[in-house]
Amino acid sequence: MKLFYADTETTGLDPFRNEAFQLAFIIEVDGKIVCEKNIRMRPARPENADAKALEVTKKTLAELATYPLRAQAFREFTETLAKYVDKYDKADKFVWIGQNPEFDVRFVRAFFKEHNDNYFGSWFDSRPADLISLAVAAKVKGLIKPENFKLATLAAEFGIEFNAHDALADVRVTRDVWMRLSAYLQPPKPKPVQAELFWLN
């Protein structure tokens, strides 16, 4: 099993207008972390950056302008993926795990298209796994009682503190919470059945 925990920071909410400027991820293979990366990239369209997004992430356009070129970041990203997945093998894909992963997936898909690469699906399973869905299942079973399903709130359920709105910090906590929720939701081990002896009269 190859899991890809990921989070992005972006210049806004629209993947067609805005861009990811940070992509952090953890790759886990058969339960073991084999890679952790924090890739930064310079916005190609800084004029489209949303002021609110910059405020939330505590970034300035001047700082983002110092980040590596996007082509360099894309090359680093795909070369890393190629170390762990054979893009030509239909059975060998990452499962993307995240907090509302569809948001991040849309921006990374746009990142691929930006570099004329239509093969995002060669690396990832088509169905990302959402931490929120796992948390909802745990809440339904009465295992947790969060006020909402924000990452910080779910982390607080387990006494985890972190610096939100940094992609690398977010992805580390996402993995931590995912693993704890997964452990909560494991089915109980079946009790051993005691054999009964029947004697024939």
Protein backbone atom coordinates (compact mmCIF):
# COMPACT_ATOMS: atom_id res chain seq x y z
CA MET A 1 0.00 0.00 0.00
CA LYS A 2 1.39 3.37 -1.05
CA LEU A 3 -0.09 6.38 0.71
CA PHE A 4 0.46 10.02 -0.23
CA TYR A 5 -0.42 12.51 2.53
CA ALA A 6 -0.39 15.99 1.05
CA ASP A 7 -1.31 19.61 1.56
CA THR A 8 -0.93 22.78 -0.50
CA GLU A 9 -0.81 26.48 0.20
CA THR A 10 -2.22 28.62 -2.59
CA THR A 11 -2.67 32.22 -3.70
CA GLY A 12 -6.44 31.81 -3.64
CA LEU A 13 -9.33 29.37 -3.95
CA ASP A 14 -9.68 29.11 -7.73
CA PRO A 15 -7.29 26.57 -9.33
CA PHE A 16 -7.80 28.19 -12.75
CA ARG A 17 -6.97 31.70 -11.59
CA ASN A 18 -4.75 31.08 -8.57
CA GLU A 19 -1.75 28.83 -8.00
CA ALA A 20 -0.16 26.57 -5.43
CA PHE A 21 3.05 28.04 -4.04
CA GLN A 22 3.79 25.26 -1.55
CA LEU A 23 3.27 21.51 -1.81
CA ALA A 24 4.22 19.37 1.15
CA PHE A 25 3.79 15.62 1.26
CA ILE A 26 4.67 12.44 3.05
CA ILE A 27 4.98 9.15 1.18
CA GLU A 28 4.29 6.01 3.16
CA VAL A 29 4.89 2.54 1.77
CA ASP A 30 3.52 -0.45 3.66
CA GLY A 31 3.23 1.55 6.87
CA LYS A 32 6.70 3.10 6.73
CA ILE A 33 7.53 6.72 5.87
CA VAL A 34 9.97 6.66 2.95
CA CYS A 35 9.88 10.32 1.92
CA GLU A 36 8.93 13.72 3.30
CA LYS A 37 9.18 16.78 1.08
CA ASN A 38 8.29 20.45 1.19
CA ILE A 39 8.36 21.95 -2.30
CA ARG A 40 7.99 25.70 -2.79
CA MET A 41 7.36 27.36 -6.13
CA ARG A 42 7.17 30.92 -7.37
CA PRO A 43 3.73 32.09 -8.58
CA ALA A 44 3.72 32.74 -12.32
CA ARG A 45 0.72 35.08 -11.97
CA PRO A 46 1.30 37.01 -8.74
CA GLU A 47 -1.16 39.67 -9.87
CA ASN A 48 -3.95 37.12 -9.31
CA ALA A 49 -3.01 36.48 -5.68
CA ASP A 50 -5.86 37.01 -3.25
CA ALA A 51 -5.00 39.32 -0.35
CA LYS A 52 -6.97 37.15 2.07
CA ALA A 53 -5.05 34.04 1.07
CA LEU A 54 -1.74 35.80 1.66
CA GLU A 55 -2.97 37.03 5.03
CA VAL A 56 -4.00 33.54 6.12
CA THR A 57 -0.67 32.01 5.10
CA LYS A 58 1.32 34.98 6.37
CA LYS A 59 3.12 35.39 3.06
CA THR A 60 3.96 38.40 0.94
CA LEU A 61 4.39 38.59 -2.81
CA ALA A 62 7.97 39.69 -2.25
CA GLU A 63 8.68 36.49 -0.32
CA LEU A 64 6.94 34.28 -2.88
CA ALA A 65 9.04 35.88 -5.63
CA THR A 66 12.15 34.34 -4.02
CA TYR A 67 10.82 30.78 -4.37
CA PRO A 68 12.21 28.40 -7.04
CA LEU A 69 10.87 28.51 -10.58
CA ARG A 70 7.77 26.41 -11.14
CA ALA A 71 9.36 24.20 -13.80
CA GLN A 72 12.12 23.30 -11.35
CA ALA A 73 9.57 22.48 -8.65
CA PHE A 74 7.50 20.37 -11.06
CA ARG A 75 10.55 18.39 -12.11
CA GLU A 76 11.50 17.75 -8.47
CA PHE A 77 7.95 16.63 -7.70
CA THR A 78 7.57 14.17 -10.58
CA GLU A 79 11.07 12.78 -10.11
CA THR A 80 10.20 12.07 -6.48
CA LEU A 81 6.96 10.33 -7.43
CA ALA A 82 8.84 8.16 -9.93
CA LYS A 83 11.01 6.75 -7.16
CA TYR A 84 8.03 4.99 -5.59
CA VAL A 85 5.43 4.40 -8.33
CA ASP A 86 5.66 2.99 -11.84
CA LYS A 87 3.41 5.38 -13.75
CA TYR A 88 2.93 2.79 -16.49
CA ASP A 89 1.59 0.12 -14.11
CA LYS A 90 -2.18 0.50 -13.65
CA ALA A 91 -2.02 -1.38 -10.35
CA ASP A 92 0.78 0.75 -8.89
CA LYS A 93 -0.64 4.07 -7.69
CA PHE A 94 -0.57 6.34 -4.66
CA VAL A 95 -3.70 6.80 -2.57
CA TRP A 96 -3.93 10.52 -1.84
CA ILE A 97 -4.95 11.28 1.75
CA GLY A 98 -5.77 14.75 3.00
CA GLN A 99 -8.08 17.13 4.79
CA ASN A 100 -10.62 17.95 2.08
CA PRO A 101 -8.18 16.52 -0.50
CA GLU A 102 -10.23 17.52 -3.53
CA PHE A 103 -9.09 21.13 -3.02
CA ASP A 104 -5.40 20.18 -3.14
CA VAL A 105 -5.90 17.67 -5.95
CA ARG A 106 -7.46 20.37 -8.14
CA PHE A 107 -4.46 22.65 -7.67
CA VAL A 108 -1.94 19.88 -8.33
CA ARG A 109 -3.86 18.83 -11.45
CA ALA A 110 -3.62 22.45 -12.59
CA PHE A 111 0.12 22.32 -11.84
CA PHE A 112 0.43 19.33 -14.19
CA LYS A 113 -1.56 21.03 -16.96
CA GLU A 114 0.53 24.17 -16.54
CA HIS A 115 3.52 22.04 -17.58
CA ASN A 116 1.67 20.34 -20.45
CA ASP A 117 1.53 17.06 -18.54
CA ASN A 118 -1.82 15.29 -18.78
CA TYR A 119 -0.77 12.27 -16.74
CA PHE A 120 -1.64 13.19 -13.16
CA GLY A 121 -3.76 10.02 -13.08
CA SER A 122 -0.72 7.90 -13.90
CA TRP A 123 0.57 8.52 -10.38
CA PHE A 124 -2.55 8.59 -8.23
CA ASP A 125 -5.61 6.48 -7.61
CA SER A 126 -8.70 8.27 -8.87
CA ARG A 127 -10.33 8.22 -5.42
CA PRO A 128 -8.59 10.37 -2.77
CA ALA A 129 -9.26 9.57 0.88
CA ASP A 130 -10.72 12.37 3.01
CA LEU A 131 -9.75 12.72 6.65
CA ILE A 132 -13.12 14.37 7.29
CA SER A 133 -15.02 11.25 6.20
CA LEU A 134 -12.98 9.15 8.60
CA ALA A 135 -13.64 11.64 11.40
CA VAL A 136 -17.38 11.62 10.68
CA ALA A 137 -17.41 7.83 10.98
CA ALA A 138 -15.61 8.08 14.33
CA LYS A 139 -18.08 10.70 15.55
CA VAL A 140 -21.06 8.58 14.51
CA LYS A 141 -19.65 5.74 16.60
CA GLY A 142 -19.24 8.09 19.56
CA LEU A 143 -15.46 7.79 19.58
CA ILE A 144 -14.81 11.53 19.22
CA LYS A 145 -16.95 14.63 19.76
CA PRO A 146 -15.43 17.46 17.72
CA GLU A 147 -17.28 20.78 17.39
CA ASN A 148 -16.36 20.83 13.70
CA PHE A 149 -14.10 18.98 11.31
CA LYS A 150 -11.32 21.53 10.87
CA LEU A 151 -7.86 20.01 11.10
CA ALA A 152 -7.00 21.99 14.23
CA THR A 153 -10.19 20.79 15.94
CA LEU A 154 -9.53 17.15 15.06
CA ALA A 155 -5.93 17.48 16.20
CA ALA A 156 -7.12 18.91 19.52
CA GLU A 157 -9.20 15.76 20.07
CA PHE A 158 -5.89 13.93 20.43
CA GLY A 159 -3.98 16.69 22.21
CA ILE A 160 -1.95 17.57 19.12
CA GLU A 161 -0.79 21.17 18.72
CA PHE A 162 0.64 22.57 15.52
CA ASN A 163 1.20 25.71 13.45
CA ALA A 164 -1.74 25.72 11.06
CA HIS A 165 -1.55 27.08 7.50
CA ASP A 166 1.91 25.80 6.80
CA ALA A 167 1.67 22.92 4.33
CA LEU A 168 4.34 20.75 5.94
CA ALA A 169 2.96 21.20 9.45
CA ASP A 170 -0.55 20.48 8.19
CA VAL A 171 0.43 17.29 6.38
CA ARG A 172 2.31 15.90 9.39
CA VAL A 173 -0.74 16.45 11.57
CA THR A 174 -3.04 15.06 8.89
CA ARG A 175 -1.10 11.80 8.92
CA ASP A 176 -1.01 11.69 12.72
CA VAL A 177 -4.77 12.21 13.03
CA TRP A 178 -5.48 9.76 10.19
CA MET A 179 -3.48 7.03 11.92
CA ARG A 180 -5.17 7.61 15.27
CA LEU A 181 -8.65 7.63 13.76
CA SER A 182 -7.83 4.49 11.77
CA ALA A 183 -6.78 2.76 14.98
CA TYR A 184 -10.04 3.85 16.63
CA LEU A 185 -12.11 2.40 13.84
CA GLN A 186 -10.39 -0.97 13.56
CA PRO A 187 -12.88 -3.78 14.10
CA PRO A 188 -12.41 -5.71 17.34
CA LYS A 189 -10.54 -8.95 17.08
CA PRO A 190 -12.92 -11.91 17.12
CA LYS A 191 -12.98 -13.84 20.35
CA PRO A 192 -11.64 -17.36 20.07
CA VAL A 193 -14.40 -19.88 19.77
CA GLN A 194 -14.21 -22.60 22.39
CA ALA A 195 -14.84 -25.99 20.95
CA GLU A 196 -17.63 -27.92 22.57
CA LEU A 197 -17.43 -31.65 22.79
CA PHE A 198 -20.52 -33.63 22.08
CA TRP A 199 -20.60 -37.19 23.23
CA LEU A 200 -22.73 -39.69 21.49
CA ASN A 201 -24.61 -42.01 23.79
